[in-house]
Amino acid sequence: MAVTQADIDALNEAIASGERQVTLGGQSITYRSVDDLIKARADLEAQLAKQLGKTRPRRVYLYQNGRGY
């Protein structure tokens, strides 16, 4: 199933209103908590970005902590 911005908007509306039940693609889904809704939204946003080719390369930062001997 292709992810659309409407799917993400439906999750945003549910998060804002505190509802746990959302209808996406004709299917009604009941989440256990608002935290699960937020995780689902992040997943859909990542899928949509991948579909649109808007993924950024991952950056890795290395930190050194110590006296530097």
PDB file of N, CA and C in Angstrom:
ATOM      1  N   MET A   1       0.840  -1.170   0.000  1.00  0.00           N
ATOM      2  CA  MET A   1       0.000   0.000   0.000  1.00  0.00           C
ATOM      3  C   MET A   1       0.891   1.240   0.000  1.00  0.00           C
ATOM      4  N   ALA A   2       0.606   2.142  -0.885  1.00  0.00           N
ATOM      5  CA  ALA A   2       1.363   3.386  -0.958  1.00  0.00           C
ATOM      6  C   ALA A   2       0.881   4.338   0.132  1.00  0.00           C
ATOM      7  N   VAL A   3       1.816   4.988   0.768  1.00  0.00           N
ATOM      8  CA  VAL A   3       1.507   5.940   1.837  1.00  0.00           C
ATOM      9  C   VAL A   3       1.227   7.295   1.210  1.00  0.00           C
ATOM     10  N   THR A   4       0.195   7.964   1.699  1.00  0.00           N
ATOM     11  CA  THR A   4      -0.137   9.291   1.211  1.00  0.00           C
ATOM     12  C   THR A   4      -0.097  10.285   2.365  1.00  0.00           C
ATOM     13  N   GLN A   5      -0.066  11.555   2.011  1.00  0.00           N
ATOM     14  CA  GLN A   5      -0.070  12.598   3.027  1.00  0.00           C
ATOM     15  C   GLN A   5      -1.391  12.580   3.796  1.00  0.00           C
ATOM     16  N   ALA A   6      -2.475  12.128   3.151  1.00  0.00           N
ATOM     17  CA  ALA A   6      -3.770  12.041   3.826  1.00  0.00           C
ATOM     18  C   ALA A   6      -3.710  11.051   4.991  1.00  0.00           C
ATOM     19  N   ASP A   7      -2.956   9.968   4.829  1.00  0.00           N
ATOM     20  CA  ASP A   7      -2.795   8.998   5.916  1.00  0.00           C
ATOM     21  C   ASP A   7      -2.092   9.635   7.109  1.00  0.00           C
ATOM     22  N   ILE A   8      -1.068  10.405   6.836  1.00  0.00           N
ATOM     23  CA  ILE A   8      -0.328  11.074   7.907  1.00  0.00           C
ATOM     24  C   ILE A   8      -1.203  12.134   8.559  1.00  0.00           C
ATOM     25  N   ASP A   9      -1.998  12.838   7.754  1.00  0.00           N
ATOM     26  CA  ASP A   9      -2.897  13.851   8.301  1.00  0.00           C
ATOM     27  C   ASP A   9      -3.951  13.217   9.216  1.00  0.00           C
ATOM     28  N   ALA A  10      -4.440  12.039   8.852  1.00  0.00           N
ATOM     29  CA  ALA A  10      -5.416  11.343   9.695  1.00  0.00           C
ATOM     30  C   ALA A  10      -4.797  10.974  11.047  1.00  0.00           C
ATOM     31  N   LEU A  11      -3.546  10.539  11.030  1.00  0.00           N
ATOM     32  CA  LEU A  11      -2.868  10.236  12.292  1.00  0.00           C
ATOM     33  C   LEU A  11      -2.635  11.499  13.107  1.00  0.00           C
ATOM     34  N   ASN A  12      -2.291  12.600  12.453  1.00  0.00           N
ATOM     35  CA  ASN A  12      -2.091  13.869  13.156  1.00  0.00           C
ATOM     36  C   ASN A  12      -3.382  14.337  13.830  1.00  0.00           C
ATOM     37  N   GLU A  13      -4.511  14.185  13.144  1.00  0.00           N
ATOM     38  CA  GLU A  13      -5.797  14.570  13.720  1.00  0.00           C
ATOM     39  C   GLU A  13      -6.128  13.705  14.937  1.00  0.00           C
ATOM     40  N   ALA A  14      -5.847  12.412  14.839  1.00  0.00           N
ATOM     41  CA  ALA A  14      -6.121  11.512  15.959  1.00  0.00           C
ATOM     42  C   ALA A  14      -5.226  11.841  17.149  1.00  0.00           C
ATOM     43  N   ILE A  15      -3.978  12.165  16.886  1.00  0.00           N
ATOM     44  CA  ILE A  15      -3.050  12.526  17.967  1.00  0.00           C
ATOM     45  C   ILE A  15      -3.521  13.810  18.643  1.00  0.00           C
ATOM     46  N   ALA A  16      -3.930  14.791  17.845  1.00  0.00           N
ATOM     47  CA  ALA A  16      -4.357  16.078  18.385  1.00  0.00           C
ATOM     48  C   ALA A  16      -5.631  15.945  19.223  1.00  0.00           C
ATOM     49  N   SER A  17      -6.537  15.071  18.811  1.00  0.00           N
ATOM     50  CA  SER A  17      -7.803  14.929  19.532  1.00  0.00           C
ATOM     51  C   SER A  17      -7.733  13.898  20.654  1.00  0.00           C
ATOM     52  N   GLY A  18      -6.671  13.106  20.684  1.00  0.00           N
ATOM     53  CA  GLY A  18      -6.535  12.093  21.720  1.00  0.00           C
ATOM     54  C   GLY A  18      -7.239  10.788  21.399  1.00  0.00           C
ATOM     55  N   GLU A  19      -7.755  10.658  20.190  1.00  0.00           N
ATOM     56  CA  GLU A  19      -8.412   9.416  19.786  1.00  0.00           C
ATOM     57  C   GLU A  19      -7.370   8.334  19.563  1.00  0.00           C
ATOM     58  N   ARG A  20      -7.803   7.098  19.687  1.00  0.00           N
ATOM     59  CA  ARG A  20      -6.888   5.985  19.435  1.00  0.00           C
ATOM     60  C   ARG A  20      -7.317   5.163  18.230  1.00  0.00           C
ATOM     61  N   GLN A  21      -8.451   5.505  17.635  1.00  0.00           N
ATOM     62  CA  GLN A  21      -8.945   4.776  16.477  1.00  0.00           C
ATOM     63  C   GLN A  21      -8.835   5.654  15.241  1.00  0.00           C
ATOM     64  N   VAL A  22      -8.223   5.084  14.179  1.00  0.00           N
ATOM     65  CA  VAL A  22      -7.975   5.811  12.941  1.00  0.00           C
ATOM     66  C   VAL A  22      -8.402   4.935  11.773  1.00  0.00           C
ATOM     67  N   THR A  23      -8.927   5.558  10.729  1.00  0.00           N
ATOM     68  CA  THR A  23      -9.275   4.832   9.506  1.00  0.00           C
ATOM     69  C   THR A  23      -8.267   5.203   8.431  1.00  0.00           C
ATOM     70  N   LEU A  24      -7.480   4.215   7.997  1.00  0.00           N
ATOM     71  CA  LEU A  24      -6.471   4.420   6.956  1.00  0.00           C
ATOM     72  C   LEU A  24      -6.718   3.419   5.839  1.00  0.00           C
ATOM     73  N   GLY A  25      -6.873   3.914   4.642  1.00  0.00           N
ATOM     74  CA  GLY A  25      -7.046   3.031   3.495  1.00  0.00           C
ATOM     75  C   GLY A  25      -8.277   2.146   3.594  1.00  0.00           C
ATOM     76  N   GLY A  26      -9.337   2.627   4.236  1.00  0.00           N
ATOM     77  CA  GLY A  26     -10.553   1.842   4.360  1.00  0.00           C
ATOM     78  C   GLY A  26     -10.553   0.870   5.527  1.00  0.00           C
ATOM     79  N   GLN A  27      -9.467   0.783   6.256  1.00  0.00           N
ATOM     80  CA  GLN A  27      -9.378  -0.104   7.407  1.00  0.00           C
ATOM     81  C   GLN A  27      -9.344   0.716   8.683  1.00  0.00           C
ATOM     82  N   SER A  28     -10.113   0.300   9.655  1.00  0.00           N
ATOM     83  CA  SER A  28     -10.135   0.972  10.944  1.00  0.00           C
ATOM     84  C   SER A  28      -9.125   0.305  11.867  1.00  0.00           C
ATOM     85  N   ILE A  29      -8.250   1.108  12.439  1.00  0.00           N
ATOM     86  CA  ILE A  29      -7.182   0.590  13.298  1.00  0.00           C
ATOM     87  C   ILE A  29      -7.314   1.244  14.668  1.00  0.00           C
ATOM     88  N   THR A  30      -7.269   0.428  15.721  1.00  0.00           N
ATOM     89  CA  THR A  30      -7.297   0.948  17.080  1.00  0.00           C
ATOM     90  C   THR A  30      -5.928   0.730  17.698  1.00  0.00           C
ATOM     91  N   TYR A  31      -5.299   1.809  18.123  1.00  0.00           N
ATOM     92  CA  TYR A  31      -3.975   1.751  18.737  1.00  0.00           C
ATOM     93  C   TYR A  31      -4.114   1.677  20.250  1.00  0.00           C
ATOM     94  N   ARG A  32      -3.113   1.127  20.913  1.00  0.00           N
ATOM     95  CA  ARG A  32      -3.158   0.970  22.365  1.00  0.00           C
ATOM     96  C   ARG A  32      -2.991   2.288  23.092  1.00  0.00           C
ATOM     97  N   SER A  33      -2.176   3.179  22.539  1.00  0.00           N
ATOM     98  CA  SER A  33      -1.916   4.447  23.220  1.00  0.00           C
ATOM     99  C   SER A  33      -1.567   5.512  22.189  1.00  0.00           C
ATOM    100  N   VAL A  34      -1.500   6.741  22.650  1.00  0.00           N
ATOM    101  CA  VAL A  34      -1.114   7.850  21.780  1.00  0.00           C
ATOM    102  C   VAL A  34       0.344   7.689  21.370  1.00  0.00           C
ATOM    103  N   ASP A  35       1.155   7.093  22.233  1.00  0.00           N
ATOM    104  CA  ASP A  35       2.557   6.850  21.891  1.00  0.00           C
ATOM    105  C   ASP A  35       2.663   5.932  20.670  1.00  0.00           C
ATOM    106  N   ASP A  36       1.790   4.933  20.592  1.00  0.00           N
ATOM    107  CA  ASP A  36       1.783   4.060  19.412  1.00  0.00           C
ATOM    108  C   ASP A  36       1.371   4.830  18.154  1.00  0.00           C
ATOM    109  N   LEU A  37       0.460   5.792  18.311  1.00  0.00           N
ATOM    110  CA  LEU A  37       0.077   6.640  17.177  1.00  0.00           C
ATOM    111  C   LEU A  37       1.268   7.458  16.681  1.00  0.00           C
ATOM    112  N   ILE A  38       2.029   7.983  17.613  1.00  0.00           N
ATOM    113  CA  ILE A  38       3.187   8.796  17.249  1.00  0.00           C
ATOM    114  C   ILE A  38       4.231   7.944  16.537  1.00  0.00           C
ATOM    115  N   LYS A  39       4.431   6.717  17.003  1.00  0.00           N
ATOM    116  CA  LYS A  39       5.377   5.814  16.342  1.00  0.00           C
ATOM    117  C   LYS A  39       4.895   5.453  14.937  1.00  0.00           C
ATOM    118  N   ALA A  40       3.585   5.234  14.791  1.00  0.00           N
ATOM    119  CA  ALA A  40       3.026   4.917  13.473  1.00  0.00           C
ATOM    120  C   ALA A  40       3.185   6.096  12.520  1.00  0.00           C
ATOM    121  N   ARG A  41       2.982   7.314  13.034  1.00  0.00           N
ATOM    122  CA  ARG A  41       3.152   8.505  12.204  1.00  0.00           C
ATOM    123  C   ARG A  41       4.599   8.645  11.730  1.00  0.00           C
ATOM    124  N   ALA A  42       5.548   8.403  12.625  1.00  0.00           N
ATOM    125  CA  ALA A  42       6.960   8.493  12.247  1.00  0.00           C
ATOM    126  C   ALA A  42       7.292   7.454  11.177  1.00  0.00           C
ATOM    127  N   ASP A  43       6.719   6.263  11.316  1.00  0.00           N
ATOM    128  CA  ASP A  43       6.959   5.210  10.332  1.00  0.00           C
ATOM    129  C   ASP A  43       6.375   5.596   8.970  1.00  0.00           C
ATOM    130  N   LEU A  44       5.149   6.129   8.971  1.00  0.00           N
ATOM    131  CA  LEU A  44       4.541   6.533   7.704  1.00  0.00           C
ATOM    132  C   LEU A  44       5.294   7.697   7.065  1.00  0.00           C
ATOM    133  N   GLU A  45       5.773   8.633   7.882  1.00  0.00           N
ATOM    134  CA  GLU A  45       6.547   9.749   7.334  1.00  0.00           C
ATOM    135  C   GLU A  45       7.841   9.248   6.690  1.00  0.00           C
ATOM    136  N   ALA A  46       8.482   8.262   7.311  1.00  0.00           N
ATOM    137  CA  ALA A  46       9.704   7.699   6.735  1.00  0.00           C
ATOM    138  C   ALA A  46       9.405   6.978   5.419  1.00  0.00           C
ATOM    139  N   GLN A  47       8.282   6.245   5.381  1.00  0.00           N
ATOM    140  CA  GLN A  47       7.904   5.552   4.145  1.00  0.00           C
ATOM    141  C   GLN A  47       7.587   6.541   3.031  1.00  0.00           C
ATOM    142  N   LEU A  48       6.895   7.624   3.380  1.00  0.00           N
ATOM    143  CA  LEU A  48       6.552   8.624   2.370  1.00  0.00           C
ATOM    144  C   LEU A  48       7.802   9.315   1.847  1.00  0.00           C
ATOM    145  N   ALA A  49       8.732   9.634   2.732  1.00  0.00           N
ATOM    146  CA  ALA A  49       9.981  10.260   2.299  1.00  0.00           C
ATOM    147  C   ALA A  49      10.761   9.330   1.374  1.00  0.00           C
ATOM    148  N   LYS A  50      10.731   8.048   1.679  1.00  0.00           N
ATOM    149  CA  LYS A  50      11.438   7.080   0.833  1.00  0.00           C
ATOM    150  C   LYS A  50      10.775   6.988  -0.546  1.00  0.00           C
ATOM    151  N   GLN A  51       9.442   7.012  -0.573  1.00  0.00           N
ATOM    152  CA  GLN A  51       8.719   6.965  -1.846  1.00  0.00           C
ATOM    153  C   GLN A  51       9.035   8.187  -2.706  1.00  0.00           C
ATOM    154  N   LEU A  52       9.164   9.341  -2.056  1.00  0.00           N
ATOM    155  CA  LEU A  52       9.406  10.583  -2.789  1.00  0.00           C
ATOM    156  C   LEU A  52      10.884  10.811  -3.068  1.00  0.00           C
ATOM    157  N   GLY A  53      11.733   9.942  -2.531  1.00  0.00           N
ATOM    158  CA  GLY A  53      13.164  10.076  -2.758  1.00  0.00           C
ATOM    159  C   GLY A  53      13.798  11.184  -1.958  1.00  0.00           C
ATOM    160  N   LYS A  54      13.215  11.496  -0.804  1.00  0.00           N
ATOM    161  CA  LYS A  54      13.713  12.595   0.012  1.00  0.00           C
ATOM    162  C   LYS A  54      14.478  12.099   1.236  1.00  0.00           C
ATOM    163  N   THR A  55      15.100  10.980   1.121  1.00  0.00           N
ATOM    164  CA  THR A  55      15.864  10.482   2.260  1.00  0.00           C
ATOM    165  C   THR A  55      17.236  11.137   2.267  1.00  0.00           C
ATOM    166  N   ARG A  56      17.721  11.408   3.438  1.00  0.00           N
ATOM    167  CA  ARG A  56      19.044  12.015   3.596  1.00  0.00           C
ATOM    168  C   ARG A  56      20.020  10.937   4.039  1.00  0.00           C
ATOM    169  N   PRO A  57      21.263  11.076   3.647  1.00  0.00           N
ATOM    170  CA  PRO A  57      22.245  10.098   4.130  1.00  0.00           C
ATOM    171  C   PRO A  57      22.417  10.240   5.639  1.00  0.00           C
ATOM    172  N   ARG A  58      22.646   9.137   6.285  1.00  0.00           N
ATOM    173  CA  ARG A  58      22.817   9.129   7.729  1.00  0.00           C
ATOM    174  C   ARG A  58      24.188   9.676   8.091  1.00  0.00           C
ATOM    175  N   ARG A  59      24.214  10.524   9.086  1.00  0.00           N
ATOM    176  CA  ARG A  59      25.475  11.098   9.553  1.00  0.00           C
ATOM    177  C   ARG A  59      25.875  10.422  10.848  1.00  0.00           C
ATOM    178  N   VAL A  60      27.147  10.171  10.976  1.00  0.00           N
ATOM    179  CA  VAL A  60      27.682   9.557  12.176  1.00  0.00           C
ATOM    180  C   VAL A  60      28.673  10.524  12.796  1.00  0.00           C
ATOM    181  N   TYR A  61      28.485  10.829  14.054  1.00  0.00           N
ATOM    182  CA  TYR A  61      29.377  11.715  14.770  1.00  0.00           C
ATOM    183  C   TYR A  61      30.155  10.896  15.792  1.00  0.00           C
ATOM    184  N   LEU A  62      31.446  11.059  15.806  1.00  0.00           N
ATOM    185  CA  LEU A  62      32.295  10.359  16.760  1.00  0.00           C
ATOM    186  C   LEU A  62      32.830  11.369  17.759  1.00  0.00           C
ATOM    187  N   TYR A  63      32.694  11.055  19.024  1.00  0.00           N
ATOM    188  CA  TYR A  63      33.161  11.933  20.091  1.00  0.00           C
ATOM    189  C   TYR A  63      34.209  11.203  20.908  1.00  0.00           C
ATOM    190  N   GLN A  64      35.216  11.930  21.327  1.00  0.00           N
ATOM    191  CA  GLN A  64      36.238  11.361  22.186  1.00  0.00           C
ATOM    192  C   GLN A  64      36.191  12.089  23.508  1.00  0.00           C
ATOM    193  N   ASN A  65      36.174  11.327  24.559  1.00  0.00           N
ATOM    194  CA  ASN A  65      36.128  11.906  25.888  1.00  0.00           C
ATOM    195  C   ASN A  65      37.290  11.322  26.675  1.00  0.00           C
ATOM    196  N   GLY A  66      38.099  12.141  27.192  1.00  0.00           N
ATOM    197  CA  GLY A  66      39.221  11.663  27.972  1.00  0.00           C
ATOM    198  C   GLY A  66      40.329  12.689  28.034  1.00  0.00           C
ATOM    199  N   ARG A  67      41.471  12.273  28.503  1.00  0.00           N
ATOM    200  CA  ARG A  67      42.566  13.208  28.689  1.00  0.00           C
ATOM    201  C   ARG A  67      43.410  13.382  27.425  1.00  0.00           C
ATOM    202  N   GLY A  68      43.267  12.508  26.478  1.00  0.00           N
ATOM    203  CA  GLY A  68      43.982  12.668  25.228  1.00  0.00           C
ATOM    204  C   GLY A  68      45.417  12.201  25.250  1.00  0.00           C
ATOM    205  N   TYR A  69      45.745  11.266  26.120  1.00  0.00           N
ATOM    206  CA  TYR A  69      47.125  10.768  26.202  1.00  0.00           C
ATOM    207  C   TYR A  69      47.444   9.961  24.989  1.00  0.00           C
TER     208      TYR A  69
END
